[in-house]
Each structure stands twice: as C-alpha cells, then as structure tokens.
C-alpha cells in the first residue's frame, strides 16, 4: 500500500477503517490508535 501523506482526501483509507472496525469491534481502539499515528 502506497504511503500517502495527503490525509485530507483519503476516502479509501476511511472505508478500510470503517470496514476494519465493523468486522472486529474489539480492535476499534487499536485501529483508532493506528489511524491517529498515521495522521500525525
């Protein structure tokens, strides 16, 4: 997966994030942490 820093327009990443949390709610906090790290 290409590492793009244009987080302002990344609907694909958002969809992956939503799908990931929908599949495994227990990993939601982990996903949020990963997303927050990626946004910085």
Protein backbone atom coordinates (compact mmCIF):
# COMPACT_ATOMS: atom_id res chain seq x y z
CA UNK A 1 0.00 0.00 0.00
CA UNK A 2 1.46 3.37 -1.01
CA UNK A 3 2.26 5.70 1.86
CA UNK A 4 0.50 8.97 1.04
CA UNK A 5 0.54 11.88 3.46
CA UNK A 6 -2.47 13.57 1.85
CA UNK A 7 -4.81 12.58 4.67
CA UNK A 8 -7.21 15.39 3.82
CA UNK A 9 -8.62 13.38 0.91
CA UNK A 10 -8.34 9.65 1.62
CA UNK A 11 -11.82 8.10 1.36
CA UNK A 12 -10.30 4.69 0.65
CA UNK A 13 -8.43 4.71 3.94
CA UNK A 14 -11.60 5.82 5.72
CA UNK A 15 -13.55 2.98 4.10
CA UNK A 16 -10.88 0.49 5.15
CA UNK A 17 -11.00 1.90 8.66
CA UNK A 18 -14.80 1.59 8.82
CA UNK A 19 -14.72 -1.92 7.38
CA UNK A 20 -11.96 -2.93 9.81
CA UNK A 21 -13.86 -1.72 12.86
CA UNK A 22 -17.11 -3.21 11.57
CA UNK A 23 -15.50 -6.63 11.26
CA UNK A 24 -13.86 -6.59 14.67
CA UNK A 25 -15.23 -4.10 17.18
CA UNK A 26 -12.69 -5.21 19.76
CA UNK A 27 -9.95 -3.82 17.53
CA UNK A 28 -11.64 -0.45 17.15
CA UNK A 29 -9.42 1.25 19.74
CA UNK A 30 -6.33 -0.28 18.14
CA UNK A 31 -7.46 0.94 14.72
CA UNK A 32 -8.13 4.42 16.09
CA UNK A 33 -4.64 4.48 17.60
CA UNK A 34 -3.10 3.39 14.30
CA UNK A 35 -5.14 5.99 12.42
CA UNK A 36 -4.12 8.73 14.83
CA UNK A 37 -0.45 7.77 14.45
CA UNK A 38 -0.81 7.79 10.68
CA UNK A 39 -2.44 11.23 10.70
CA UNK A 40 0.44 12.82 12.59
